[in-house]
Amino acid sequence: MLSPFIINDKNLHLDRYPLAQVNRSLQAWDAADEYLVNHIAQHQLIKPGTRVLIFNDLFGALTVNFTESQLFTVNDSFLSICGIKHNLEQNYLSDDNRSQLTSLDPLPDDIDVILYKNPKSKSLLSDQLLKIKQKYSDNVIFIAADRAKEIHTSTLKQFEKYLGTTKTSLAVKKARLVFAELDNPARYNSPFPTVWPLENTRFSLSNHANVYAREKLDLGARYFIQNLPEIPAGSRVIDLGCGNGVIGLTVLAAQEQAKVQFVDESHMAIASARENIENNLPQVMDNCIFHVNDCLTGFEGGSADVILCNPPFHQQTATTDHIAWQMFNDSFRVLKKGGELRIIGNRQLGYHVKLQRIFGNHKLIATNEKFVTISAIKK
């Protein structure tokens, strides 16, 4: 049983999201959250009515401490958005003063304080810092937080480059704060989304800042594309964890009569996938549906012929296989009888064991020194 998040005389119970995770030892906050909340309280920087903008609060550890203020929370992760809402509700905290924004929404006006949790993606860091500087002036208090080992010299240079004068705190419990003055002129434009040619095709791919493989096709996707199943006309296909949608795009390029649903928990990923179909195969847009979702939650059982998936083995900075388990279990439920789940993964992850347990079968389609492509059929 995890201990509660006790800070500033508040006894809060926070869960990671999604709730049904195999590894329940992973907690929903870290030392950087504690350090930032304690710093705010010590210096009385936030009071009722203060307009606070919070970036990248993973599961609400920051949000739940400032519900008496006017809050704006920015997240790219659908799971983080769900986690914040859940943790507010289970602690009986009002959500009336909060506006939830995605990573693609315009930033609000007249902000007093920005609380910033550094994202894992350095490209998302750059994109968000650029947008902050373009929107706000140096009368805004800006404080970032992260694990000390993640705040490198190169990270501080990004704050200096895009925002202005930057200094750091001492480390506490292996966490550190970053203070930026926002005193630089706004002289940079965001390079995102990036656009690059997809090798051996006539297509170009558009990638927003928080989408993996922003400049070229990654090795896993390249190998998966070489080993995709043949898709008959009219098949209902799901590109699960679609990223920029290159797998679904490849399916549609070969079979324009397929019905493809693109699913990812990242708002930037779904925006990229939509743009890539619109820009490369506009004639098939009516055959496509785009979902920001927690795996296949809410999808009708027995509704898909083929599901294609490259499962992630981490959630933010935590290495975990619960997402793969959920993807495989959801796929079994959503596939029609005789339908196929085809995946790619790193060899050492042992996904064949999970597929055998869930589907009762698996077949090795292809393998090389790094990846395996595996098929499982719903009997």
Protein backbone atom coordinates (compact mmCIF):
# COMPACT_ATOMS: atom_id res chain seq x y z
CA MET A 1 0.00 0.00 0.00
CA LEU A 2 1.47 3.36 -1.02
CA SER A 3 1.86 6.09 1.59
CA PRO A 4 -0.26 9.23 1.16
CA PHE A 5 1.16 12.44 -0.30
CA ILE A 6 1.50 14.48 2.91
CA ILE A 7 2.61 18.06 2.33
CA ASN A 8 1.81 21.42 3.94
CA ASP A 9 -0.45 19.70 6.49
CA LYS A 10 -2.47 18.17 3.65
CA ASN A 11 -2.98 14.42 3.63
CA LEU A 12 -3.68 13.61 0.00
CA HIS A 13 -4.16 10.26 -1.71
CA LEU A 14 -2.91 10.26 -5.30
CA ASP A 15 -3.11 7.44 -7.84
CA ARG A 16 -1.24 6.94 -11.06
CA TYR A 17 -3.49 6.59 -14.07
CA PRO A 18 -4.75 4.27 -15.46
CA LEU A 19 -5.71 2.77 -12.13
CA ALA A 20 -5.46 -0.95 -12.95
CA GLN A 21 -1.67 -1.18 -13.11
CA VAL A 22 0.24 -4.35 -12.28
CA ASN A 23 3.08 -2.44 -10.61
CA ARG A 24 1.26 -0.56 -7.86
CA SER A 25 4.55 0.50 -6.23
CA LEU A 26 4.92 3.39 -8.68
CA GLN A 27 3.71 6.53 -6.95
CA ALA A 28 1.88 9.45 -8.53
CA TRP A 29 4.31 12.17 -7.41
CA ASP A 30 8.04 12.68 -7.05
CA ALA A 31 10.51 14.73 -5.03
CA ALA A 32 10.35 17.54 -7.59
CA ASP A 33 6.61 17.93 -6.94
CA GLU A 34 7.24 18.11 -3.20
CA TYR A 35 10.08 20.61 -3.58
CA LEU A 36 8.03 22.89 -5.81
CA VAL A 37 4.94 22.84 -3.57
CA ASN A 38 7.04 23.48 -0.46
CA HIS A 39 8.86 26.37 -2.14
CA ILE A 40 5.57 28.00 -3.15
CA ALA A 41 4.23 27.67 0.40
CA GLN A 42 7.41 28.94 2.05
CA HIS A 43 7.50 32.08 -0.08
CA GLN A 44 3.70 32.53 -0.23
CA LEU A 45 3.78 32.93 -4.01
CA ILE A 46 0.25 31.65 -4.63
CA LYS A 47 -2.86 32.91 -2.87
CA PRO A 48 -6.59 32.50 -3.52
CA GLY A 49 -7.31 34.28 -6.80
CA THR A 50 -3.75 34.01 -8.16
CA ARG A 51 -3.85 32.97 -11.82
CA VAL A 52 -1.64 29.91 -12.07
CA LEU A 53 -0.57 28.05 -15.20
CA ILE A 54 0.68 24.49 -14.60
CA PHE A 55 2.48 22.53 -17.31
CA ASN A 56 2.95 18.74 -17.46
CA ASP A 57 1.50 17.82 -14.07
CA LEU A 58 1.58 14.05 -14.51
CA PHE A 59 -1.23 12.98 -12.17
CA GLY A 60 -2.22 16.12 -10.29
CA ALA A 61 0.37 16.41 -7.49
CA LEU A 62 0.68 20.13 -8.22
CA THR A 63 -2.92 20.80 -9.17
CA VAL A 64 -4.43 19.35 -5.98
CA ASN A 65 -2.42 21.80 -3.84
CA PHE A 66 -3.70 24.99 -5.47
CA THR A 67 -7.40 24.49 -6.06
CA GLU A 68 -8.31 27.79 -4.37
CA SER A 69 -6.48 29.66 -7.14
CA GLN A 70 -7.56 30.22 -10.74
CA LEU A 71 -5.83 27.25 -12.39
CA PHE A 72 -4.97 26.47 -16.00
CA THR A 73 -3.38 23.06 -16.58
CA VAL A 74 -1.62 22.10 -19.82
CA ASN A 75 -1.03 18.45 -20.74
CA ASP A 76 -0.33 16.51 -23.91
CA SER A 77 -1.13 13.21 -22.21
CA PHE A 78 -4.75 12.06 -22.08
CA LEU A 79 -3.81 9.78 -19.18
CA SER A 80 -2.43 12.72 -17.22
CA ILE A 81 -5.64 14.67 -17.84
CA CYS A 82 -7.69 11.71 -16.58
CA GLY A 83 -5.34 11.27 -13.61
CA ILE A 84 -5.67 14.90 -12.52
CA LYS A 85 -9.47 14.70 -12.67
CA HIS A 86 -9.51 11.42 -10.73
CA ASN A 87 -7.20 12.69 -7.99
CA LEU A 88 -9.20 15.88 -7.53
CA GLU A 89 -12.38 13.84 -7.17
CA GLN A 90 -10.99 11.26 -4.75
CA ASN A 91 -9.66 14.02 -2.48
CA TYR A 92 -13.02 15.84 -2.59
CA LEU A 93 -11.40 18.93 -4.09
CA SER A 94 -13.29 21.38 -6.26
CA ASP A 95 -12.48 21.52 -9.95
CA ASP A 96 -14.56 24.67 -10.48
CA ASN A 97 -11.56 27.02 -10.73
CA ARG A 98 -9.59 24.96 -13.24
CA SER A 99 -9.44 25.06 -17.03
CA GLN A 100 -7.84 22.03 -18.71
CA LEU A 101 -5.86 22.77 -21.88
CA THR A 102 -4.16 20.39 -24.28
CA SER A 103 -0.66 20.96 -25.61
CA LEU A 104 -2.18 22.38 -28.81
CA ASP A 105 -4.51 24.95 -27.22
CA PRO A 106 -3.68 28.69 -27.01
CA LEU A 107 -2.25 29.75 -23.66
CA PRO A 108 -4.44 31.92 -21.40
CA ASP A 109 -3.99 35.64 -20.81
CA ASP A 110 -2.96 37.43 -17.61
CA ILE A 111 -1.07 34.69 -15.80
CA ASP A 112 0.70 35.46 -12.50
CA VAL A 113 2.67 32.26 -11.84
CA ILE A 114 3.85 29.44 -14.10
CA LEU A 115 4.67 26.08 -12.49
CA TYR A 116 6.52 23.89 -14.94
CA LYS A 117 7.39 20.19 -14.65
CA ASN A 118 10.07 19.41 -17.21
CA PRO A 119 8.79 16.92 -19.79
CA LYS A 120 10.76 13.86 -20.85
CA SER A 121 10.86 15.12 -24.45
CA LYS A 122 13.44 17.86 -25.04
CA SER A 123 11.56 18.90 -28.16
CA LEU A 124 8.38 19.42 -26.15
CA LEU A 125 10.45 21.42 -23.64
CA SER A 126 11.67 23.73 -26.41
CA ASP A 127 8.22 24.06 -27.95
CA GLN A 128 6.57 24.95 -24.64
CA LEU A 129 9.28 27.41 -23.58
CA LEU A 130 8.97 29.17 -26.94
CA LYS A 131 5.20 29.48 -26.55
CA ILE A 132 5.59 30.76 -22.98
CA LYS A 133 8.01 33.48 -24.02
CA GLN A 134 5.87 34.50 -27.00
CA LYS A 135 2.88 34.92 -24.67
CA TYR A 136 4.20 36.32 -21.39
CA SER A 137 6.53 39.04 -20.10
CA ASP A 138 8.98 39.20 -17.21
CA ASN A 139 6.31 40.14 -14.66
CA VAL A 140 5.31 36.45 -14.58
CA ILE A 141 6.92 34.22 -11.95
CA PHE A 142 8.31 31.09 -13.63
CA ILE A 143 9.54 28.07 -11.65
CA ALA A 144 10.40 24.69 -13.16
CA ALA A 145 11.10 21.43 -11.32
CA ASP A 146 12.67 18.09 -12.15
CA ARG A 147 14.91 15.39 -10.77
CA ALA A 148 18.39 16.86 -10.32
CA LYS A 149 19.96 14.29 -12.64
CA GLU A 150 17.68 15.42 -15.49
CA ILE A 151 18.65 19.11 -15.23
CA HIS A 152 21.75 19.13 -17.41
CA THR A 153 23.80 22.08 -18.58
CA SER A 154 22.08 21.69 -21.97
CA THR A 155 18.67 21.91 -20.24
CA LEU A 156 19.59 25.17 -18.52
CA LYS A 157 20.87 26.53 -21.84
CA GLN A 158 17.40 25.94 -23.30
CA PHE A 159 15.84 28.00 -20.49
CA GLU A 160 18.45 30.72 -21.01
CA LYS A 161 17.98 30.72 -24.77
CA TYR A 162 14.20 30.84 -24.90
CA LEU A 163 13.20 32.57 -21.65
CA GLY A 164 16.09 34.58 -20.21
CA THR A 165 18.13 34.83 -17.02
CA THR A 166 18.12 31.43 -15.35
CA LYS A 167 19.34 30.13 -12.02
CA THR A 168 18.88 26.89 -10.10
CA SER A 169 18.24 25.94 -6.52
CA LEU A 170 20.23 23.61 -4.34
CA ALA A 171 19.25 19.96 -4.67
CA VAL A 172 16.77 18.58 -2.14
CA LYS A 173 15.97 14.84 -2.14
CA LYS A 174 17.70 14.65 -5.55
CA ALA A 175 15.32 17.27 -7.02
CA ARG A 176 16.07 20.79 -8.17
CA LEU A 177 14.15 23.93 -9.11
CA VAL A 178 14.86 26.24 -12.04
CA PHE A 179 13.97 29.96 -11.89
CA ALA A 180 13.75 31.91 -15.15
CA GLU A 181 13.13 35.64 -15.50
CA LEU A 182 11.46 35.73 -18.97
CA ASP A 183 13.59 38.77 -19.78
CA ASN A 184 14.76 37.70 -23.23
CA PRO A 185 13.09 39.20 -26.32
CA ALA A 186 10.83 36.72 -28.10
CA ARG A 187 13.12 36.22 -31.09
CA TYR A 188 12.53 32.55 -31.91
CA ASN A 189 9.68 30.79 -33.69
CA SER A 190 8.87 27.18 -32.97
CA PRO A 191 10.19 24.73 -35.60
CA PHE A 192 7.30 22.39 -34.85
CA PRO A 193 5.66 20.59 -36.42
CA THR A 194 8.67 19.32 -38.34
CA VAL A 195 8.10 17.90 -41.83
CA TRP A 196 10.35 15.30 -43.45
CA PRO A 197 10.18 12.90 -46.41
CA LEU A 198 9.13 9.31 -45.75
CA GLU A 199 11.76 7.12 -47.36
CA ASN A 200 10.87 5.14 -50.47
CA THR A 201 7.50 6.88 -50.82
CA ARG A 202 6.03 10.07 -52.25
CA PHE A 203 4.85 11.07 -48.76
CA SER A 204 6.05 13.64 -46.25
CA LEU A 205 5.42 13.24 -42.54
CA SER A 206 4.48 16.02 -40.13
CA ASN A 207 5.46 15.59 -36.48
CA HIS A 208 4.46 17.80 -33.57
CA ALA A 209 6.99 18.32 -30.78
CA ASN A 210 5.97 15.45 -28.48
CA VAL A 211 5.88 12.74 -31.15
CA TYR A 212 8.64 10.13 -31.32
CA ALA A 213 10.99 10.11 -34.33
CA ARG A 214 10.57 13.73 -35.34
CA GLU A 215 13.07 13.81 -38.22
CA LYS A 216 13.16 10.35 -39.76
CA LEU A 217 11.50 6.95 -39.63
CA ASP A 218 12.58 5.10 -36.49
CA LEU A 219 14.06 1.61 -36.78
CA GLY A 220 11.10 -0.14 -35.18
CA ALA A 221 8.54 1.45 -37.48
CA ARG A 222 10.73 0.74 -40.50
CA TYR A 223 10.94 -2.95 -39.61
CA PHE A 224 7.22 -3.14 -38.79
CA ILE A 225 6.30 -1.64 -42.18
CA GLN A 226 8.27 -4.41 -43.86
CA ASN A 227 6.19 -7.04 -42.04
CA LEU A 228 2.62 -5.75 -42.07
CA PRO A 229 -0.21 -8.13 -43.01
CA GLU A 230 -2.04 -7.88 -46.30
CA ILE A 231 -5.26 -5.98 -45.64
CA PRO A 232 -8.38 -6.92 -47.66
CA ALA A 233 -10.74 -4.19 -48.88
CA GLY A 234 -13.30 -3.15 -46.27
CA SER A 235 -11.23 -4.39 -43.31
CA ARG A 236 -11.57 -2.52 -40.05
CA VAL A 237 -8.04 -1.74 -38.86
CA ILE A 238 -6.81 -0.04 -35.69
CA ASP A 239 -3.40 1.64 -35.51
CA LEU A 240 -3.01 1.42 -31.71
CA GLY A 241 -0.44 3.79 -30.20
CA CYS A 242 -0.26 5.36 -33.64
CA GLY A 243 2.24 8.17 -33.03
CA ASN A 244 2.44 10.12 -36.28
CA GLY A 245 0.23 7.54 -38.00
CA VAL A 246 2.85 6.13 -40.35
CA ILE A 247 1.61 2.54 -39.94
CA GLY A 248 -2.00 3.43 -40.74
CA LEU A 249 -0.80 5.62 -43.59
CA THR A 250 1.13 2.67 -45.02
CA VAL A 251 -1.95 0.44 -44.75
CA LEU A 252 -4.10 3.00 -46.56
CA ALA A 253 -1.50 3.56 -49.27
CA ALA A 254 -1.71 -0.16 -50.08
CA GLN A 255 -5.47 -0.55 -49.51
CA GLU A 256 -7.55 2.61 -49.82
CA GLN A 257 -10.74 0.67 -49.04
CA ALA A 258 -9.60 -0.14 -45.49
CA LYS A 259 -11.32 1.57 -42.55
CA VAL A 260 -8.59 2.76 -40.19
CA GLN A 261 -8.89 4.11 -36.65
CA PHE A 262 -5.86 5.92 -35.23
CA VAL A 263 -5.52 5.75 -31.44
CA ASP A 264 -3.00 7.40 -29.13
CA GLU A 265 -2.99 9.02 -25.69
CA SER A 266 -1.00 12.02 -26.98
CA HIS A 267 -2.91 14.97 -28.39
CA MET A 268 0.12 15.91 -30.48
CA ALA A 269 0.35 12.37 -31.88
CA ILE A 270 -3.28 12.36 -33.03
CA ALA A 271 -2.88 15.83 -34.54
CA SER A 272 0.18 14.59 -36.43
CA ALA A 273 -1.60 11.45 -37.65
CA ARG A 274 -4.57 13.48 -38.87
CA GLU A 275 -2.31 15.94 -40.71
CA ASN A 276 -0.38 13.10 -42.32
CA ILE A 277 -3.50 11.53 -43.78
CA GLU A 278 -4.91 14.90 -44.85
CA ASN A 279 -1.66 15.93 -46.54
CA ASN A 280 -0.75 12.62 -48.19
CA LEU A 281 -3.98 10.70 -48.83
CA PRO A 282 -6.80 13.25 -48.59
CA GLN A 283 -9.08 10.99 -50.64
CA VAL A 284 -9.25 8.44 -47.79
CA MET A 285 -10.05 10.84 -44.93
CA ASP A 286 -13.66 9.61 -44.83
CA ASN A 287 -12.30 6.12 -44.06
CA CYS A 288 -10.37 7.36 -41.00
CA ILE A 289 -11.27 8.08 -37.39
CA PHE A 290 -8.86 9.65 -34.90
CA HIS A 291 -9.10 9.00 -31.14
CA VAL A 292 -7.24 10.49 -28.18
CA ASN A 293 -7.85 7.67 -25.73
CA ASP A 294 -6.61 5.32 -23.01
CA CYS A 295 -5.78 2.34 -25.24
CA LEU A 296 -9.11 0.94 -26.53
CA THR A 297 -11.30 2.04 -23.62
CA GLY A 298 -14.90 2.33 -24.81
CA PHE A 299 -14.33 0.53 -28.13
CA GLU A 300 -17.03 -1.97 -29.08
CA GLY A 301 -16.09 -5.61 -28.55
CA GLY A 302 -15.71 -7.74 -31.66
CA SER A 303 -15.50 -4.73 -33.96
CA ALA A 304 -12.00 -4.87 -35.53
CA ASP A 305 -10.44 -7.19 -38.09
CA VAL A 306 -6.81 -6.19 -37.54
CA ILE A 307 -4.98 -4.27 -34.81
CA LEU A 308 -1.43 -3.08 -35.42
CA CYS A 309 0.63 -1.99 -32.43
CA ASN A 310 4.12 -0.99 -31.28
CA PRO A 311 3.60 -0.96 -27.49
CA PRO A 312 5.52 1.52 -25.31
CA PHE A 313 7.45 0.06 -22.38
CA HIS A 314 7.50 3.22 -20.29
CA GLN A 315 5.07 5.84 -19.00
CA GLN A 316 6.87 9.16 -18.90
CA THR A 317 10.10 8.35 -16.97
CA ALA A 318 8.83 5.10 -15.38
CA THR A 319 9.69 1.80 -17.07
CA THR A 320 6.58 -0.36 -16.93
CA ASP A 321 4.81 -3.04 -18.96
CA HIS A 322 1.28 -2.23 -17.83
CA ILE A 323 0.51 -0.32 -21.03
CA ALA A 324 1.46 -3.34 -23.16
CA TRP A 325 -0.73 -5.59 -21.00
CA GLN A 326 -3.65 -3.20 -21.38
CA MET A 327 -3.14 -2.87 -25.15
CA PHE A 328 -3.08 -6.66 -25.59
CA ASN A 329 -6.11 -7.30 -23.35
CA ASP A 330 -8.06 -4.48 -25.01
CA SER A 331 -7.12 -5.84 -28.44
CA PHE A 332 -8.39 -9.31 -27.56
CA ARG A 333 -11.73 -7.83 -26.51
CA VAL A 334 -12.10 -5.52 -29.55
CA LEU A 335 -11.02 -8.00 -32.23
CA LYS A 336 -13.58 -10.08 -34.08
CA LYS A 337 -13.30 -13.85 -33.90
CA GLY A 338 -10.49 -14.70 -36.31
CA GLY A 339 -9.10 -11.18 -36.08
CA GLU A 340 -5.37 -10.55 -35.80
CA LEU A 341 -3.22 -8.50 -33.45
CA ARG A 342 0.18 -7.88 -34.99
CA ILE A 343 2.85 -6.17 -32.91
CA ILE A 344 6.49 -5.21 -33.00
CA GLY A 345 8.74 -4.97 -29.96
CA ASN A 346 12.28 -5.19 -28.73
CA ARG A 347 13.39 -8.81 -28.53
CA GLN A 348 14.16 -8.73 -24.80
CA LEU A 349 10.64 -7.63 -23.78
CA GLY A 350 9.16 -11.11 -24.17
CA TYR A 351 5.81 -10.01 -25.58
CA HIS A 352 5.18 -13.52 -26.92
CA VAL A 353 4.62 -14.70 -23.35
CA LYS A 354 1.87 -12.10 -22.79
CA LEU A 355 0.23 -12.86 -26.13
CA GLN A 356 0.26 -16.60 -25.46
CA ARG A 357 -1.38 -16.04 -22.08
CA ILE A 358 -4.11 -13.75 -23.46
CA PHE A 359 -4.78 -15.22 -26.92
CA GLY A 360 -3.67 -18.83 -26.35
CA ASN A 361 -1.45 -18.58 -29.42
CA HIS A 362 1.25 -16.52 -31.11
CA LYS A 363 3.28 -16.71 -34.28
CA LEU A 364 6.70 -15.22 -34.99
CA ILE A 365 6.41 -13.27 -38.25
CA ALA A 366 9.91 -11.81 -38.47
CA THR A 367 12.95 -11.17 -36.32
CA ASN A 368 16.30 -9.41 -36.50
CA GLU A 369 19.03 -8.58 -34.00
CA LYS A 370 16.83 -5.99 -32.24
CA PHE A 371 13.12 -6.50 -33.01
CA VAL A 372 10.48 -9.20 -33.30
CA THR A 373 7.18 -9.00 -35.16
CA ILE A 374 4.56 -11.31 -33.65
CA SER A 375 0.99 -12.20 -34.62
CA ALA A 376 -1.81 -13.47 -32.38
CA ILE A 377 -5.24 -14.60 -33.59
CA LYS A 378 -8.46 -14.37 -31.59
CA LYS A 379 -9.82 -17.93 -31.80
